[in-house]
Amino acid sequence: MPVQESARIRATTKQLEAARLLALGNTEEQVADKLGITLPAVRDRLRNLMACARVGTPRALVHRLLEQGLLEDLALPHPPSVRWDELTQRVCGGLRFDVPDRALQATIARALGIPGADAGAALARVRQDTGLTDCALVALAFRHRWSADGKENTVAPGTPPRAEPPALPSTPAPRAQDRTRAPAPGKEAVMRLLADELVPEKVAGRLGLSLGTVYRYMRSFRTDLGLETVSVRALLCAWYERELLPRPCADRPLVAPGSDAVAVWQWLGLDVTDADLPAAIAGETGLQVSCVKNVLSTLAAIEGTPHLAGLVRAGYERAVLPRSGPGRHAISLVGPDGVTKVGRDVQAVRIPLISLPGLLKAAGPPLRGPALVETATLSGVLFLPPGSVTGWKAPGSSLVRRDHVYRLPPPETRTGVQHWAVPPGGPLWKPQLLRNLLCGRPA
């Protein structure tokens, strides 16, 4: 039996309650609303649960949980009043296949030996007749034992199962110190595949890794780059800007999307979660959050990509994201001589080290600028744009004298005499915002 189908899923109560609501026909947004949590929290629970179940789609996850009896007493919807023929029932049963949505229709057609158009028409019919989501239809098919290929697992036809290797009785078992494990793909391979595929699930499938392993690689990348969030978009911006990956050639003309669109595009490198990105861009550009969301949707439609990371790649191809752009990933503190001089490259404000954690917490990730820790003087140094401050009055802080020279540590430095509490690479501190925070006023 394939390993994928025999492994017992270990799920937490919170993960199962999110999956249960999904199986009952709720969207991820509705699940978040009913559980009183954020949408990213719902997606994290489902992602972790899919990694435990070794599947890549919510549809396959629901089937696996039902198969193992982890969604008992599920109040499933009644069958439609319109009687479906056997072919339609089998098409509905094929929704459990663990393939991307775009490949689902072709996979079901191949399993049933019918034209793709017929499979598409049957899928449209079951969705229209019931008004249910695909996850709820998987639960409905499971209850009525509708199957596309006469099997109960989620492996699509033609997919080679990952089986246990047969034992060789004539060969003695190796000693523990002699056992070797197949080498895991290097970080560079994961990095390049993420840049190509943009979706962790696809990378896991291509490299034969679990989804959890891919996310561990991504967390490692985040630490190496000094980022605060784990998203393919932010990672891609940092890789391109630091030339860890070759940048896409700027050989595509800009499709005149308007000044608002260009402004939004240039701030895609902000080191915030994808869910917080529209609000963070709105804060930087002065646009309404709804306007930012509309612009992002329009750009995604123009570029033909559903992923924000795809817009990053397209931004470089259209020369909207040059090295000198204003995004969080694009600002350097270092002058042409390799040092940072106050007055020429930056202005700097020094505060007591004990005050730094509270200040960073009050600012939040979208508004933080670079913050350097100097353990020798027990102080924190906050960097502002050059020429942005003429006089400085804020309690517990002082302006660093002009022409003072800093030899800054690498962005990934997190310990030592000089290290970063917030690494450079993003916008500098805004003077008025910093004054308000130091005076205890709202940001």
Protein backbone atom coordinates (compact mmCIF):
# COMPACT_ATOMS: atom_id res chain seq x y z
CA MET A 1 0.00 0.00 0.00
CA PRO A 2 1.37 3.49 -0.75
CA VAL A 3 2.88 5.27 2.20
CA GLN A 4 0.76 8.33 1.50
CA GLU A 5 -2.48 6.43 2.13
CA SER A 6 -1.41 4.41 5.18
CA ALA A 7 0.18 7.10 7.32
CA ARG A 8 -1.95 8.14 10.28
CA ILE A 9 -2.63 11.86 10.43
CA ARG A 10 -1.80 13.58 13.71
CA ALA A 11 -3.92 16.70 13.87
CA THR A 12 -4.63 19.26 16.58
CA THR A 13 -8.15 20.18 17.67
CA LYS A 14 -7.79 23.65 16.14
CA GLN A 15 -6.66 22.23 12.81
CA LEU A 16 -9.57 19.79 12.73
CA GLU A 17 -12.18 22.42 13.53
CA ALA A 18 -10.92 24.52 10.60
CA ALA A 19 -10.99 21.46 8.31
CA ARG A 20 -14.50 20.52 9.52
CA LEU A 21 -15.87 23.94 8.59
CA LEU A 22 -14.14 23.65 5.22
CA ALA A 23 -15.78 20.25 4.62
CA LEU A 24 -19.18 21.75 5.44
CA GLY A 25 -18.91 24.13 2.50
CA ASN A 26 -17.37 27.23 4.08
CA THR A 27 -14.74 29.30 2.32
CA GLU A 28 -11.50 30.14 4.12
CA GLU A 29 -12.85 33.64 4.84
CA GLN A 30 -16.02 32.19 6.37
CA VAL A 31 -13.96 29.76 8.46
CA ALA A 32 -11.93 32.69 9.81
CA ASP A 33 -15.12 34.59 10.65
CA LYS A 34 -16.74 31.64 12.43
CA LEU A 35 -13.63 30.81 14.45
CA GLY A 36 -12.92 34.46 15.25
CA ILE A 37 -9.36 34.32 13.91
CA THR A 38 -7.51 35.93 11.02
CA LEU A 39 -7.46 34.54 7.49
CA PRO A 40 -3.66 33.94 7.60
CA ALA A 41 -4.17 31.91 10.81
CA VAL A 42 -6.76 29.73 9.05
CA ARG A 43 -4.45 29.18 6.11
CA ASP A 44 -1.56 28.29 8.43
CA ARG A 45 -3.69 25.65 10.18
CA LEU A 46 -4.78 24.11 6.89
CA ARG A 47 -1.27 24.23 5.43
CA ASN A 48 0.20 22.48 8.45
CA LEU A 49 -2.57 19.89 8.39
CA MET A 50 -2.01 19.24 4.66
CA ALA A 51 1.69 18.75 5.39
CA CYS A 52 0.81 16.17 8.08
CA ALA A 53 -1.59 14.43 5.67
CA ARG A 54 0.99 14.59 2.87
CA VAL A 55 -1.47 16.12 0.42
CA GLY A 56 -1.32 19.36 -1.52
CA THR A 57 -4.96 20.44 -1.86
CA PRO A 58 -7.81 21.12 0.60
CA ARG A 59 -10.01 18.74 -1.43
CA ALA A 60 -7.65 15.81 -0.88
CA LEU A 61 -7.25 16.83 2.76
CA VAL A 62 -11.00 16.56 3.42
CA HIS A 63 -11.09 13.11 1.82
CA ARG A 64 -8.12 11.86 3.87
CA LEU A 65 -9.62 13.14 7.12
CA LEU A 66 -12.96 11.48 6.34
CA GLU A 67 -11.18 8.29 5.36
CA GLN A 68 -9.43 8.12 8.72
CA GLY A 69 -12.57 8.97 10.69
CA LEU A 70 -11.25 12.34 11.90
CA LEU A 71 -14.37 14.21 10.74
CA GLU A 72 -17.05 12.07 12.36
CA ASP A 73 -20.69 13.19 12.74
CA LEU A 74 -20.28 15.59 9.86
CA ALA A 75 -23.64 17.20 9.06
CA LEU A 76 -23.30 16.81 5.33
CA PRO A 77 -25.70 18.46 2.86
CA HIS A 78 -28.47 16.39 1.33
CA PRO A 79 -28.05 15.15 -2.25
CA PRO A 80 -29.47 17.39 -4.97
CA SER A 81 -33.10 17.02 -5.95
CA VAL A 82 -32.04 16.47 -9.56
CA ARG A 83 -30.97 12.85 -9.98
CA TRP A 84 -27.46 12.51 -11.36
CA ASP A 85 -26.45 9.76 -13.72
CA GLU A 86 -23.59 7.42 -12.85
CA LEU A 87 -21.05 9.39 -14.90
CA THR A 88 -21.85 12.62 -13.07
CA GLN A 89 -21.53 10.86 -9.72
CA ARG A 90 -18.13 9.48 -10.69
CA VAL A 91 -16.97 12.91 -11.83
CA CYS A 92 -18.03 14.27 -8.43
CA GLY A 93 -16.02 11.46 -6.82
CA GLY A 94 -12.96 12.55 -8.79
CA LEU A 95 -12.82 15.85 -6.92
CA ARG A 96 -10.77 14.05 -4.25
CA PHE A 97 -7.77 13.68 -6.58
CA ASP A 98 -4.72 15.44 -5.14
CA VAL A 99 -3.87 17.56 -8.17
CA PRO A 100 -3.91 21.36 -8.67
CA ASP A 101 -7.28 22.86 -9.59
CA ARG A 102 -6.13 23.68 -13.10
CA ALA A 103 -5.29 20.01 -13.74
CA LEU A 104 -8.40 18.58 -12.06
CA GLN A 105 -10.66 18.43 -15.11
CA ALA A 106 -8.05 16.69 -17.26
CA THR A 107 -7.20 14.24 -14.46
CA ILE A 108 -10.84 13.23 -13.97
CA ALA A 109 -11.32 12.88 -17.74
CA ARG A 110 -8.26 10.64 -17.94
CA ALA A 111 -9.48 8.50 -15.02
CA LEU A 112 -12.90 8.00 -16.61
CA GLY A 113 -11.70 7.75 -20.20
CA ILE A 114 -13.94 10.59 -21.37
CA PRO A 115 -13.26 13.85 -23.23
CA GLY A 116 -12.16 16.76 -21.08
CA ALA A 117 -15.15 18.82 -22.19
CA ASP A 118 -17.53 16.17 -20.82
CA ALA A 119 -15.73 16.13 -17.49
CA GLY A 120 -15.89 19.94 -17.37
CA ALA A 121 -19.60 19.95 -18.12
CA ALA A 122 -20.25 17.38 -15.37
CA LEU A 123 -18.22 19.39 -12.87
CA ALA A 124 -20.15 22.52 -13.74
CA ARG A 125 -23.40 20.64 -13.27
CA VAL A 126 -22.63 19.28 -9.80
CA ARG A 127 -21.47 22.69 -8.64
CA GLN A 128 -24.53 24.44 -10.06
CA ASP A 129 -27.03 21.87 -8.78
CA THR A 130 -25.73 21.97 -5.20
CA GLY A 131 -24.15 25.40 -4.81
CA LEU A 132 -21.48 23.68 -2.71
CA THR A 133 -17.75 24.20 -2.60
CA ASP A 134 -15.47 21.48 -3.96
CA CYS A 135 -14.50 20.45 -0.40
CA ALA A 136 -18.16 19.92 0.52
CA LEU A 137 -18.69 17.95 -2.71
CA VAL A 138 -15.78 15.70 -1.74
CA ALA A 139 -17.53 15.03 1.58
CA LEU A 140 -20.81 14.35 -0.25
CA ALA A 141 -19.11 11.92 -2.63
CA PHE A 142 -17.43 10.16 0.29
CA ARG A 143 -20.76 9.61 2.04
CA HIS A 144 -22.35 8.15 -1.10
CA ARG A 145 -19.18 6.23 -2.08
CA TRP A 146 -18.95 7.87 -5.48
CA SER A 147 -15.55 7.15 -6.98
CA ALA A 148 -14.01 8.10 -10.32
CA ASP A 149 -11.74 5.07 -10.54
CA GLY A 150 -13.21 2.54 -8.12
CA LYS A 151 -10.56 3.35 -5.50
CA GLU A 152 -10.74 5.29 -2.27
CA ASN A 153 -7.36 7.00 -2.16
CA THR A 154 -6.45 10.51 -3.36
CA VAL A 155 -3.71 9.47 -5.78
CA ALA A 156 -4.58 10.49 -9.33
CA PRO A 157 -4.35 7.85 -12.09
CA GLY A 158 -0.90 7.65 -13.60
CA THR A 159 0.79 8.97 -10.44
CA PRO A 160 3.45 6.52 -9.24
CA PRO A 161 2.79 5.76 -5.57
CA ARG A 162 5.55 6.25 -3.06
CA ALA A 163 5.81 2.70 -1.75
CA GLU A 164 7.93 1.18 0.98
CA PRO A 165 11.06 -0.47 -0.48
CA PRO A 166 10.89 -4.28 -0.25
CA ALA A 167 12.98 -5.95 2.41
CA LEU A 168 15.97 -8.01 1.30
CA PRO A 169 16.27 -10.93 3.73
CA SER A 170 19.60 -12.07 2.35
CA THR A 171 21.22 -8.72 3.16
CA PRO A 172 22.08 -8.04 6.80
CA ALA A 173 20.67 -4.84 8.24
CA PRO A 174 23.29 -2.09 8.28
CA ARG A 175 24.59 -0.79 11.54
CA ALA A 176 23.22 2.57 12.66
CA GLN A 177 26.50 4.35 11.95
CA ASP A 178 26.64 2.86 8.42
CA ARG A 179 23.17 3.97 7.35
CA THR A 180 23.07 6.77 4.86
CA ARG A 181 20.15 8.95 3.88
CA ALA A 182 19.58 10.23 0.38
CA PRO A 183 20.91 13.78 0.29
CA ALA A 184 18.22 16.42 0.68
CA PRO A 185 17.95 19.03 -2.05
CA GLY A 186 20.22 21.99 -1.35
CA LYS A 187 18.89 25.38 -0.36
CA GLU A 188 19.86 26.74 -3.77
CA ALA A 189 17.64 24.16 -5.51
CA VAL A 190 14.67 25.10 -3.32
CA MET A 191 15.40 28.79 -3.88
CA ARG A 192 15.47 28.47 -7.66
CA LEU A 193 12.33 26.34 -7.78
CA LEU A 194 10.47 28.80 -5.57
CA ALA A 195 11.48 31.58 -7.96
CA ASP A 196 10.22 29.51 -10.92
CA GLU A 197 7.06 27.97 -9.46
CA LEU A 198 6.13 30.68 -6.88
CA VAL A 199 4.05 28.14 -4.92
CA PRO A 200 5.53 26.03 -2.07
CA GLU A 201 3.17 23.13 -2.85
CA LYS A 202 4.60 22.83 -6.37
CA VAL A 203 8.16 22.93 -5.05
CA ALA A 204 7.35 20.12 -2.61
CA GLY A 205 5.93 18.02 -5.45
CA ARG A 206 8.86 18.65 -7.80
CA LEU A 207 11.50 17.79 -5.20
CA GLY A 208 9.61 15.00 -3.44
CA LEU A 209 9.60 16.88 -0.13
CA SER A 210 6.83 17.38 2.37
CA LEU A 211 5.22 20.80 2.45
CA GLY A 212 6.45 21.27 6.01
CA THR A 213 10.05 20.76 4.84
CA VAL A 214 9.66 23.43 2.17
CA TYR A 215 8.35 25.87 4.77
CA ARG A 216 11.30 25.06 7.02
CA TYR A 217 13.58 26.02 4.13
CA MET A 218 11.60 29.26 3.73
CA ARG A 219 11.98 30.09 7.42
CA SER A 220 15.71 29.47 7.07
CA PHE A 221 15.83 31.84 4.08
CA ARG A 222 13.98 34.45 6.15
CA THR A 223 16.61 34.22 8.90
CA ASP A 224 19.50 34.40 6.43
CA LEU A 225 18.05 37.50 4.77
CA GLY A 226 17.08 39.25 8.00
CA LEU A 227 13.38 39.34 7.06
CA GLU A 228 10.52 39.22 9.54
CA THR A 229 7.90 37.44 7.45
CA VAL A 230 7.82 34.25 5.42
CA SER A 231 6.34 34.87 1.99
CA VAL A 232 7.57 33.95 -1.47
CA ARG A 233 6.99 37.57 -2.52
CA ALA A 234 9.31 39.08 0.11
CA LEU A 235 11.90 36.34 -0.41
CA LEU A 236 11.89 36.87 -4.17
CA CYS A 237 12.39 40.62 -3.78
CA ALA A 238 15.32 40.09 -1.42
CA TRP A 239 16.94 37.43 -3.64
CA TYR A 240 16.73 39.60 -6.74
CA GLU A 241 17.92 42.73 -4.98
CA ARG A 242 20.90 41.04 -3.32
CA GLU A 243 21.68 39.26 -6.58
CA LEU A 244 21.38 35.82 -5.03
CA LEU A 245 19.31 34.97 -8.09
CA PRO A 246 19.69 36.45 -11.58
CA ARG A 247 17.08 39.14 -12.09
CA PRO A 248 14.58 38.76 -14.92
CA CYS A 249 15.58 40.73 -18.00
CA ALA A 250 13.80 44.08 -18.30
CA ASP A 251 12.69 43.38 -21.85
CA ARG A 252 8.90 43.77 -21.66
CA PRO A 253 7.23 47.13 -22.32
CA LEU A 254 5.14 48.67 -19.55
CA VAL A 255 1.44 48.42 -20.30
CA ALA A 256 0.71 51.98 -19.06
CA PRO A 257 -1.28 50.98 -15.98
CA GLY A 258 -1.34 54.51 -14.50
CA SER A 259 0.61 56.25 -11.75
CA ASP A 260 -1.28 54.55 -8.89
CA ALA A 261 -0.47 51.13 -10.30
CA VAL A 262 3.22 51.95 -10.67
CA ALA A 263 3.32 53.28 -7.10
CA VAL A 264 1.68 50.13 -5.76
CA TRP A 265 3.93 47.91 -7.87
CA GLN A 266 7.07 49.57 -6.52
CA TRP A 267 6.13 48.78 -2.92
CA LEU A 268 5.66 45.03 -3.38
CA GLY A 269 8.92 44.41 -1.54
CA LEU A 270 7.59 45.49 1.87
CA ASP A 271 8.55 42.99 4.56
CA VAL A 272 5.02 42.28 5.79
CA THR A 273 2.68 39.34 5.38
CA ASP A 274 0.72 39.13 2.15
CA ALA A 275 -2.48 39.71 4.13
CA ASP A 276 -1.07 42.99 5.57
CA LEU A 277 0.47 44.14 2.29
CA PRO A 278 -2.45 46.29 0.99
CA ALA A 279 -2.64 48.26 4.26
CA ALA A 280 1.15 48.68 4.35
CA ILE A 281 1.25 49.93 0.74
CA ALA A 282 -1.63 52.30 1.50
CA GLY A 283 0.39 53.73 4.39
CA GLU A 284 3.40 54.34 2.14
CA THR A 285 1.55 55.73 -0.89
CA GLY A 286 -1.36 57.60 0.71
CA LEU A 287 -3.88 55.56 -1.29
CA GLN A 288 -6.98 53.95 0.20
CA VAL A 289 -6.66 50.27 1.12
CA SER A 290 -9.57 49.43 -1.20
CA CYS A 291 -7.80 51.26 -4.04
CA VAL A 292 -4.59 49.28 -3.41
CA LYS A 293 -6.53 45.99 -3.47
CA ASN A 294 -8.22 46.97 -6.75
CA VAL A 295 -4.87 47.92 -8.29
CA LEU A 296 -3.32 44.60 -7.23
CA SER A 297 -6.27 42.70 -8.73
CA THR A 298 -5.96 44.67 -11.98
CA LEU A 299 -2.22 44.05 -12.22
CA ALA A 300 -2.74 40.33 -11.54
CA ALA A 301 -5.29 40.20 -14.38
CA ILE A 302 -2.97 42.10 -16.76
CA GLU A 303 -0.01 39.86 -15.96
CA GLY A 304 -2.04 36.65 -15.84
CA THR A 305 -0.78 35.58 -12.43
CA PRO A 306 -2.77 34.92 -9.24
CA HIS A 307 0.36 35.28 -7.07
CA LEU A 308 1.91 38.45 -5.65
CA ALA A 309 5.31 36.89 -6.25
CA GLY A 310 4.38 36.72 -9.94
CA LEU A 311 3.86 40.49 -9.90
CA VAL A 312 7.35 40.91 -8.42
CA ARG A 313 8.86 38.96 -11.31
CA ALA A 314 6.76 40.89 -13.82
CA GLY A 315 7.83 44.16 -12.18
CA TYR A 316 11.46 43.40 -12.94
CA GLU A 317 10.61 42.29 -16.47
CA ARG A 318 8.83 45.61 -17.08
CA ALA A 319 11.58 47.63 -15.30
CA VAL A 320 9.11 48.88 -12.69
CA LEU A 321 11.24 47.36 -9.91
CA PRO A 322 14.78 48.66 -10.54
CA ARG A 323 17.47 48.51 -7.90
CA SER A 324 16.84 52.15 -6.99
CA GLY A 325 13.11 51.71 -6.50
CA PRO A 326 11.46 52.68 -3.22
CA GLY A 327 10.43 49.21 -2.03
CA ARG A 328 11.57 47.89 1.33
CA HIS A 329 14.11 45.67 -0.35
CA ALA A 330 15.71 48.44 -2.39
CA ILE A 331 17.18 51.03 0.02
CA SER A 332 20.86 51.01 0.96
CA LEU A 333 22.44 52.87 3.88
CA VAL A 334 25.99 52.57 2.58
CA GLY A 335 27.63 55.33 0.59
CA PRO A 336 29.90 54.92 -2.46
CA ASP A 337 32.98 54.68 -0.20
CA GLY A 338 31.60 51.65 1.65
CA VAL A 339 30.76 53.49 4.88
CA THR A 340 27.65 55.23 6.19
CA LYS A 341 28.15 58.92 6.93
CA VAL A 342 25.58 60.87 8.94
CA GLY A 343 24.37 63.88 6.97
CA ARG A 344 25.47 62.51 3.60
CA ASP A 345 23.81 59.06 3.56
CA VAL A 346 21.45 59.13 6.53
CA GLN A 347 20.44 60.97 9.65
CA ALA A 348 20.48 58.99 12.86
CA VAL A 349 18.70 59.15 16.21
CA ARG A 350 20.13 57.40 19.28
CA ILE A 351 17.88 56.06 22.05
CA PRO A 352 18.56 53.95 25.18
CA LEU A 353 18.73 50.25 24.39
CA ILE A 354 16.10 49.49 27.03
CA SER A 355 13.57 51.62 25.09
CA LEU A 356 14.16 49.92 21.72
CA PRO A 357 11.91 46.81 22.08
CA GLY A 358 8.90 48.89 23.12
CA LEU A 359 9.45 51.32 20.27
CA LEU A 360 9.65 48.55 17.67
CA LYS A 361 6.54 46.88 19.06
CA ALA A 362 4.61 50.17 18.92
CA ALA A 363 5.69 50.83 15.33
CA GLY A 364 4.82 47.35 14.03
CA PRO A 365 6.46 45.67 10.99
CA PRO A 366 4.94 47.96 8.30
CA LEU A 367 6.34 51.17 9.87
CA ARG A 368 9.70 50.06 11.25
CA GLY A 369 12.93 51.35 9.80
CA PRO A 370 16.46 50.00 10.30
CA ALA A 371 17.47 49.74 13.95
CA LEU A 372 21.11 49.11 14.95
CA VAL A 373 22.02 47.81 18.42
CA GLU A 374 25.30 49.06 19.97
CA THR A 375 25.98 46.95 23.04
CA ALA A 376 29.12 48.94 24.01
CA THR A 377 27.06 52.10 24.61
CA LEU A 378 23.77 50.29 25.47
CA SER A 379 21.99 52.28 22.79
CA GLY A 380 19.90 51.77 19.70
CA VAL A 381 20.45 53.78 16.51
CA LEU A 382 17.52 54.55 14.21
CA PHE A 383 18.23 55.71 10.66
CA LEU A 384 16.24 58.45 8.90
CA PRO A 385 16.51 59.88 5.35
CA PRO A 386 19.30 62.48 4.93
CA GLY A 387 18.10 66.05 5.29
CA SER A 388 14.77 65.05 6.83
CA VAL A 389 15.47 66.55 10.28
CA THR A 390 16.63 70.09 11.06
CA GLY A 391 15.92 70.17 14.79
CA TRP A 392 15.19 67.21 17.01
CA LYS A 393 13.20 67.28 20.23
CA ALA A 394 11.90 63.98 21.58
CA PRO A 395 12.27 62.63 25.12
CA GLY A 396 14.96 60.05 25.74
CA SER A 397 16.66 60.50 22.36
CA SER A 398 19.37 62.50 20.67
CA LEU A 399 20.44 63.28 17.13
CA VAL A 400 23.78 61.73 16.10
CA ARG A 401 26.26 64.45 15.12
CA ARG A 402 26.84 65.22 11.48
CA ASP A 403 29.76 63.49 9.73
CA HIS A 404 29.79 60.62 12.22
CA VAL A 405 30.85 57.48 10.30
CA TYR A 406 29.30 54.05 10.79
CA ARG A 407 30.81 50.83 9.51
CA LEU A 408 27.65 48.77 9.48
CA PRO A 409 27.56 45.00 9.97
CA PRO A 410 26.00 42.75 7.31
CA PRO A 411 22.16 42.73 7.34
CA GLU A 412 22.01 39.15 8.66
CA THR A 413 24.07 40.00 11.80
CA ARG A 414 21.90 39.43 14.89
CA THR A 415 24.55 39.20 17.66
CA GLY A 416 27.76 40.98 18.58
CA VAL A 417 28.94 44.44 19.57
CA GLN A 418 27.00 45.87 16.64
CA HIS A 419 24.00 43.96 15.31
CA TRP A 420 20.60 44.61 13.80
CA ALA A 421 17.30 44.62 15.67
CA VAL A 422 15.67 45.53 12.35
CA PRO A 423 17.96 44.92 9.35
CA PRO A 424 18.37 47.45 6.55
CA GLY A 425 16.85 47.00 3.13
CA GLY A 426 13.55 48.78 3.66
CA PRO A 427 12.25 52.31 4.12
CA LEU A 428 14.02 54.50 6.64
CA TRP A 429 12.23 55.85 9.70
CA LYS A 430 9.83 58.74 9.09
CA PRO A 431 10.77 61.66 11.39
CA GLN A 432 7.24 62.58 12.44
CA LEU A 433 6.30 58.97 13.08
CA LEU A 434 9.41 58.48 15.23
CA ARG A 435 8.69 61.67 17.22
CA ASN A 436 5.13 60.54 17.89
CA LEU A 437 6.26 57.12 19.09
CA LEU A 438 8.97 58.54 21.36
CA CYS A 439 6.48 61.04 22.81
CA GLY A 440 3.94 58.28 23.46
CA ARG A 441 1.51 59.55 20.84
CA PRO A 442 -0.27 57.28 18.29
CA ALA A 443 1.76 56.46 15.18
